[in-house]
Amino acid sequence: MSKKTIRKSTPRKKTSNKKKSVLSLGIILISVLLIGFLYVGYHYRYAIRYYLSSKSNRITKEDKVSKARIVQILKSHKDLTFGFDVSQFQGNINWKEVDSVENKFPLHFVIIRASAGSKKKDSRFSENWREAKKYKFIRGAYHYYRPNENSIEQANNFIKIVKLRKGDLPPVLDIEKLPSNQSIDNLKIGLRRWLTLVDSHYKVRPIIYTGEKYYNDFLKDEFKGYTFWVANYNFFVETIKDDWLFWQFTDKVRIKGIDENVDINIYNGTPQMLQYLTISN
């Protein structure tokens, strides 16, 4: 009787604790990345959908991204109120055609440049002011402040040009640049003189327009009691802040009836609330 050959079984190598830890960490990392990807996809769903639907070869990738951001912001603020601002740089506007952005987001208000510095009148102001009223927009007028010119003369220039009526927005002071011939403290004195004179004439407190950095660095703390219209075009800024009455979030919108790009703004409230902001008598 032959002897059976007994083979010794080779013991299986046990997976080391280190390898298990690496495997678990990899699974966790992949899961986190997947969840993050899904979140980003959901969060930017309107922008992504718009980007993918833009098939024209004439539109650059940069323009597509910019327009996708615009749609994303408008969608996420759909319960608030949209408007735009114009000056002579938008040229001749066909006001009859102006009504919305992307044929989806209605425009309720427009803020029109009236004056700049101590002598300049916007060459399109009278026409834009008249047509905005004719086509039922809530309208407002703004003055572009030149920090190296006399503040009282600038206030009088605005007052001479702009006749506000019931239903119009309060006057707006647009300050964007720093002075080259005076200190910041003297600039603030000039701004206060403009605001005080205009307030006294129209019997309503003006709104201040500026960029977010300018607002934070020079105006926010020292001009408390005023309401602010703040410009911030940063791609990663997606929501209007509580202390911004208006937010200008882009200057790259094309609107039917206007040949040039337009600034779009969000009012931090409903259309009915915007009515309460207007001049009552």
Protein backbone atom coordinates (compact mmCIF):
# COMPACT_ATOMS: atom_id res chain seq x y z
CA MET A 1 0.00 0.00 0.00
CA SER A 2 1.50 3.27 -1.13
CA LYS A 3 1.97 6.08 1.26
CA LYS A 4 -0.13 9.17 0.64
CA THR A 5 1.80 12.28 0.08
CA ILE A 6 0.65 14.84 2.53
CA ARG A 7 1.10 18.39 1.29
CA LYS A 8 1.45 21.07 3.79
CA SER A 9 -0.89 23.96 3.07
CA THR A 10 0.75 27.33 2.77
CA PRO A 11 -0.69 29.64 5.39
CA ARG A 12 -2.47 32.70 3.95
CA LYS A 13 -0.83 36.01 4.62
CA LYS A 14 -2.96 38.17 6.77
CA THR A 15 -3.58 41.70 5.54
CA SER A 16 -1.67 43.96 7.81
CA ASN A 17 -3.44 46.56 9.90
CA LYS A 18 -1.50 49.21 8.02
CA LYS A 19 -2.88 48.06 4.66
CA LYS A 20 -6.40 47.97 6.08
CA SER A 21 -6.01 51.51 7.35
CA VAL A 22 -4.80 52.73 3.96
CA LEU A 23 -7.71 50.96 2.25
CA SER A 24 -10.23 52.46 4.67
CA LEU A 25 -8.72 55.91 4.25
CA GLY A 26 -8.92 55.56 0.48
CA ILE A 27 -12.58 54.57 0.66
CA ILE A 28 -13.35 57.52 2.93
CA LEU A 29 -11.48 59.94 0.64
CA ILE A 30 -13.28 58.69 -2.46
CA SER A 31 -16.62 58.97 -0.62
CA VAL A 32 -15.87 62.53 0.48
CA LEU A 33 -14.82 63.51 -3.05
CA LEU A 34 -17.95 61.93 -4.50
CA ILE A 35 -20.20 63.71 -2.01
CA GLY A 36 -18.37 66.98 -2.69
CA PHE A 37 -18.73 66.49 -6.43
CA LEU A 38 -22.45 65.82 -6.09
CA TYR A 39 -22.89 68.85 -3.82
CA VAL A 40 -21.05 71.16 -6.21
CA GLY A 41 -23.00 69.75 -9.12
CA TYR A 42 -26.30 70.38 -7.32
CA HIS A 43 -25.26 73.81 -6.03
CA TYR A 44 -24.22 75.01 -9.49
CA ARG A 45 -26.90 73.09 -11.37
CA TYR A 46 -28.35 76.18 -13.06
CA ALA A 47 -24.92 77.44 -14.10
CA ILE A 48 -23.85 74.02 -15.39
CA ARG A 49 -27.08 73.57 -17.31
CA TYR A 50 -26.71 77.01 -18.89
CA TYR A 51 -23.04 76.39 -19.72
CA LEU A 52 -23.78 73.08 -21.44
CA SER A 53 -26.70 74.56 -23.37
CA SER A 54 -24.58 77.41 -24.83
CA LYS A 55 -23.62 75.85 -28.13
CA SER A 56 -22.65 78.91 -30.15
CA ASN A 57 -19.05 78.82 -31.33
CA ARG A 58 -18.92 82.61 -31.09
CA ILE A 59 -19.14 82.53 -27.31
CA THR A 60 -15.77 82.09 -25.59
CA LYS A 61 -15.38 79.77 -22.62
CA GLU A 62 -14.76 82.81 -20.42
CA ASP A 63 -18.03 84.39 -21.57
CA LYS A 64 -19.90 81.12 -21.04
CA VAL A 65 -18.60 80.86 -17.48
CA SER A 66 -19.50 84.49 -16.80
CA LYS A 67 -23.02 84.07 -18.18
CA ALA A 68 -23.46 80.80 -16.30
CA ARG A 69 -22.60 82.63 -13.04
CA ILE A 70 -25.13 85.36 -13.87
CA VAL A 71 -27.91 82.83 -14.41
CA GLN A 72 -26.93 80.98 -11.22
CA ILE A 73 -27.16 84.18 -9.14
CA LEU A 74 -30.43 85.31 -10.70
CA LYS A 75 -31.99 81.89 -10.10
CA SER A 76 -30.86 81.78 -6.48
CA HIS A 77 -32.24 85.31 -5.83
CA LYS A 78 -35.51 84.87 -7.73
CA ASP A 79 -37.55 86.09 -4.74
CA LEU A 80 -35.76 89.45 -4.75
CA THR A 81 -35.93 92.30 -7.27
CA PHE A 82 -33.75 92.85 -10.36
CA GLY A 83 -32.76 96.07 -12.06
CA PHE A 84 -30.00 97.68 -14.11
CA ASP A 85 -28.10 100.93 -14.42
CA VAL A 86 -27.20 102.91 -17.52
CA SER A 87 -25.33 105.98 -18.70
CA GLN A 88 -24.39 107.56 -22.01
CA PHE A 89 -21.97 104.67 -22.51
CA GLN A 90 -24.89 102.34 -23.30
CA GLY A 91 -25.73 104.54 -26.28
CA ASN A 92 -29.22 104.87 -27.72
CA ILE A 93 -31.55 102.51 -25.84
CA ASN A 94 -34.69 101.01 -27.38
CA TRP A 95 -36.69 101.18 -24.15
CA LYS A 96 -39.68 99.47 -25.72
CA GLU A 97 -37.70 96.21 -25.91
CA VAL A 98 -36.08 96.35 -22.47
CA ASP A 99 -37.89 94.07 -20.03
CA SER A 100 -35.81 91.16 -18.72
CA VAL A 101 -32.56 89.22 -18.57
CA GLU A 102 -32.48 86.00 -20.62
CA ASN A 103 -36.24 86.45 -21.17
CA LYS A 104 -36.72 84.90 -17.71
CA PHE A 105 -35.83 87.45 -15.07
CA PRO A 106 -37.98 90.62 -15.17
CA LEU A 107 -36.36 94.00 -14.61
CA HIS A 108 -38.22 96.31 -12.23
CA PHE A 109 -35.94 99.31 -11.76
CA VAL A 110 -33.22 101.33 -13.46
CA ILE A 111 -30.70 103.77 -11.99
CA ILE A 112 -29.51 106.36 -14.50
CA ARG A 113 -26.38 108.47 -14.45
CA ALA A 114 -27.35 112.13 -14.34
CA SER A 115 -24.10 113.97 -13.66
CA ALA A 116 -20.38 113.67 -13.03
CA GLY A 117 -18.13 116.08 -11.17
CA SER A 118 -18.95 119.76 -10.89
CA LYS A 119 -20.03 120.45 -14.49
CA LYS A 120 -20.78 117.28 -16.46
CA LYS A 121 -24.30 116.25 -17.43
CA ASP A 122 -24.68 112.76 -18.85
CA SER A 123 -25.55 113.28 -22.52
CA ARG A 124 -28.27 110.60 -22.43
CA PHE A 125 -29.80 111.44 -19.08
CA SER A 126 -32.82 113.45 -20.19
CA GLU A 127 -33.86 110.84 -22.75
CA ASN A 128 -33.23 107.87 -20.44
CA TRP A 129 -35.02 109.57 -17.55
CA ARG A 130 -38.10 110.25 -19.66
CA GLU A 131 -38.22 106.83 -21.33
CA ALA A 132 -37.71 104.89 -18.10
CA LYS A 133 -40.84 106.55 -16.69
CA LYS A 134 -42.76 105.98 -19.91
CA TYR A 135 -42.07 102.26 -19.82
CA LYS A 136 -43.01 101.87 -16.15
CA PHE A 137 -39.60 101.28 -14.58
CA ILE A 138 -38.98 102.49 -11.06
CA ARG A 139 -36.22 104.98 -11.79
CA GLY A 140 -33.38 106.54 -9.85
CA ALA A 141 -30.61 109.00 -10.68
CA TYR A 142 -26.96 108.90 -9.65
CA HIS A 143 -24.05 111.31 -9.54
CA TYR A 144 -20.51 110.14 -10.34
CA TYR A 145 -18.38 111.82 -7.69
CA ARG A 146 -14.96 113.13 -8.72
CA PRO A 147 -12.90 113.28 -5.51
CA ASN A 148 -10.56 115.99 -6.82
CA GLU A 149 -13.39 118.45 -7.52
CA ASN A 150 -15.40 120.69 -5.18
CA SER A 151 -18.12 118.75 -3.37
CA ILE A 152 -20.59 121.65 -3.12
CA GLU A 153 -20.32 122.39 -6.84
CA GLN A 154 -20.89 118.69 -7.53
CA ALA A 155 -24.02 118.63 -5.36
CA ASN A 156 -25.39 121.72 -7.10
CA ASN A 157 -24.67 120.17 -10.49
CA PHE A 158 -26.77 117.12 -9.61
CA ILE A 159 -29.57 119.23 -8.12
CA LYS A 160 -29.72 121.43 -11.23
CA ILE A 161 -30.12 118.41 -13.52
CA VAL A 162 -32.36 116.02 -11.58
CA LYS A 163 -36.01 116.67 -10.76
CA LEU A 164 -37.22 113.79 -8.61
CA ARG A 165 -40.90 112.92 -8.53
CA LYS A 166 -43.19 110.75 -6.48
CA GLY A 167 -42.34 107.11 -7.15
CA ASP A 168 -38.66 107.76 -7.92
CA LEU A 169 -35.83 106.24 -5.90
CA PRO A 170 -33.71 108.42 -3.57
CA PRO A 171 -30.68 110.12 -5.17
CA VAL A 172 -27.49 108.08 -5.39
CA LEU A 173 -23.89 109.17 -4.79
CA ASP A 174 -21.38 107.06 -6.73
CA ILE A 175 -17.90 107.13 -5.15
CA GLU A 176 -15.25 104.77 -6.52
CA LYS A 177 -11.89 106.54 -6.63
CA LEU A 178 -9.45 107.94 -4.09
CA PRO A 179 -8.32 111.59 -4.24
CA SER A 180 -4.92 112.66 -5.50
CA ASN A 181 -4.99 116.17 -4.07
CA GLN A 182 -6.36 115.70 -0.55
CA SER A 183 -6.44 113.29 2.37
CA ILE A 184 -9.01 110.56 2.96
CA ASP A 185 -10.36 112.58 5.90
CA ASN A 186 -10.96 115.58 3.65
CA LEU A 187 -12.58 113.33 1.07
CA LYS A 188 -15.05 112.14 3.71
CA ILE A 189 -15.83 115.75 4.63
CA GLY A 190 -16.60 116.43 0.97
CA LEU A 191 -18.81 113.38 0.70
CA ARG A 192 -20.76 114.48 3.77
CA ARG A 193 -21.25 117.95 2.29
CA TRP A 194 -22.64 116.44 -0.92
CA LEU A 195 -24.94 114.11 0.99
CA THR A 196 -26.17 116.86 3.30
CA LEU A 197 -26.93 119.33 0.51
CA VAL A 198 -28.74 116.74 -1.60
CA ASP A 199 -30.66 115.44 1.43
CA SER A 200 -31.75 118.99 2.29
CA HIS A 201 -32.91 119.71 -1.26
CA TYR A 202 -34.90 116.53 -1.93
CA LYS A 203 -35.92 115.84 1.69
CA VAL A 204 -34.74 112.23 1.44
CA ARG A 205 -31.51 110.57 2.51
CA PRO A 206 -29.33 109.55 -0.47
CA ILE A 207 -28.00 106.06 -1.19
CA ILE A 208 -24.23 105.54 -1.52
CA TYR A 209 -22.80 103.39 -4.33
CA THR A 210 -19.29 101.98 -4.11
CA GLY A 211 -17.16 98.84 -4.48
CA GLU A 212 -17.03 96.39 -1.58
CA LYS A 213 -13.38 97.11 -0.69
CA TYR A 214 -14.01 100.86 -0.70
CA TYR A 215 -17.12 100.26 1.40
CA ASN A 216 -15.27 98.18 3.99
CA ASP A 217 -12.14 100.35 4.13
CA PHE A 218 -13.56 103.88 4.11
CA LEU A 219 -17.34 104.12 4.35
CA LYS A 220 -19.00 101.34 6.33
CA ASP A 221 -18.13 102.55 9.82
CA GLU A 222 -18.22 106.30 9.29
CA PHE A 223 -21.38 106.59 7.21
CA LYS A 224 -23.73 104.59 9.40
CA GLY A 225 -27.34 105.50 8.84
CA TYR A 226 -26.91 105.55 5.07
CA THR A 227 -27.93 102.67 2.86
CA PHE A 228 -25.43 101.20 0.42
CA TRP A 229 -25.43 99.90 -3.11
CA VAL A 230 -22.32 97.71 -3.32
CA ALA A 231 -20.48 96.38 -6.37
CA ASN A 232 -18.75 93.00 -6.18
CA TYR A 233 -18.14 90.91 -9.31
CA ASN A 234 -16.09 88.19 -7.60
CA PHE A 235 -16.96 84.76 -9.04
CA PHE A 236 -17.11 83.20 -5.57
CA VAL A 237 -19.46 85.82 -4.11
CA GLU A 238 -22.87 84.27 -4.69
CA THR A 239 -25.24 85.91 -2.21
CA ILE A 240 -26.28 89.46 -1.41
CA LYS A 241 -25.18 90.51 2.08
CA ASP A 242 -27.61 91.72 4.73
CA ASP A 243 -26.05 95.20 4.90
CA TRP A 244 -26.24 95.78 1.14
CA LEU A 245 -29.43 97.49 -0.03
CA PHE A 246 -28.46 96.79 -3.64
CA TRP A 247 -25.82 94.46 -5.05
CA GLN A 248 -24.25 95.09 -8.46
CA PHE A 249 -22.88 91.65 -9.24
CA THR A 250 -21.87 91.93 -12.90
CA ASP A 251 -21.23 94.40 -15.69
CA LYS A 252 -21.41 91.85 -18.50
CA VAL A 253 -25.11 91.36 -19.22
CA ARG A 254 -26.64 91.87 -22.65
CA ILE A 255 -30.24 93.03 -22.63
CA LYS A 256 -32.56 93.21 -25.59
CA GLY A 257 -32.86 96.83 -26.67
CA ILE A 258 -29.36 97.80 -25.48
CA ASP A 259 -26.33 97.28 -27.72
CA GLU A 260 -23.66 97.51 -25.02
CA ASN A 261 -23.06 95.46 -21.86
CA VAL A 262 -25.14 96.47 -18.85
CA ASP A 263 -24.63 96.35 -15.08
CA ILE A 264 -27.24 94.20 -13.32
CA ASN A 265 -28.32 94.81 -9.74
CA ILE A 266 -30.32 92.99 -7.09
CA TYR A 267 -32.44 94.91 -4.60
CA ASN A 268 -32.45 93.20 -1.21
CA GLY A 269 -36.22 92.88 -1.01
CA THR A 270 -39.39 92.19 -2.96
CA PRO A 271 -40.84 94.50 -5.65
CA GLN A 272 -43.44 95.65 -3.12
CA MET A 273 -40.70 96.54 -0.63
CA LEU A 274 -38.92 98.51 -3.34
CA GLN A 275 -42.05 100.63 -3.73
CA TYR A 276 -41.76 101.59 -0.06
CA LEU A 277 -38.24 102.89 -0.72
CA THR A 278 -39.42 105.37 -3.34
CA ILE A 279 -40.24 109.03 -2.72
CA SER A 280 -43.79 109.27 -1.39
CA ASN A 281 -44.65 112.91 -2.21
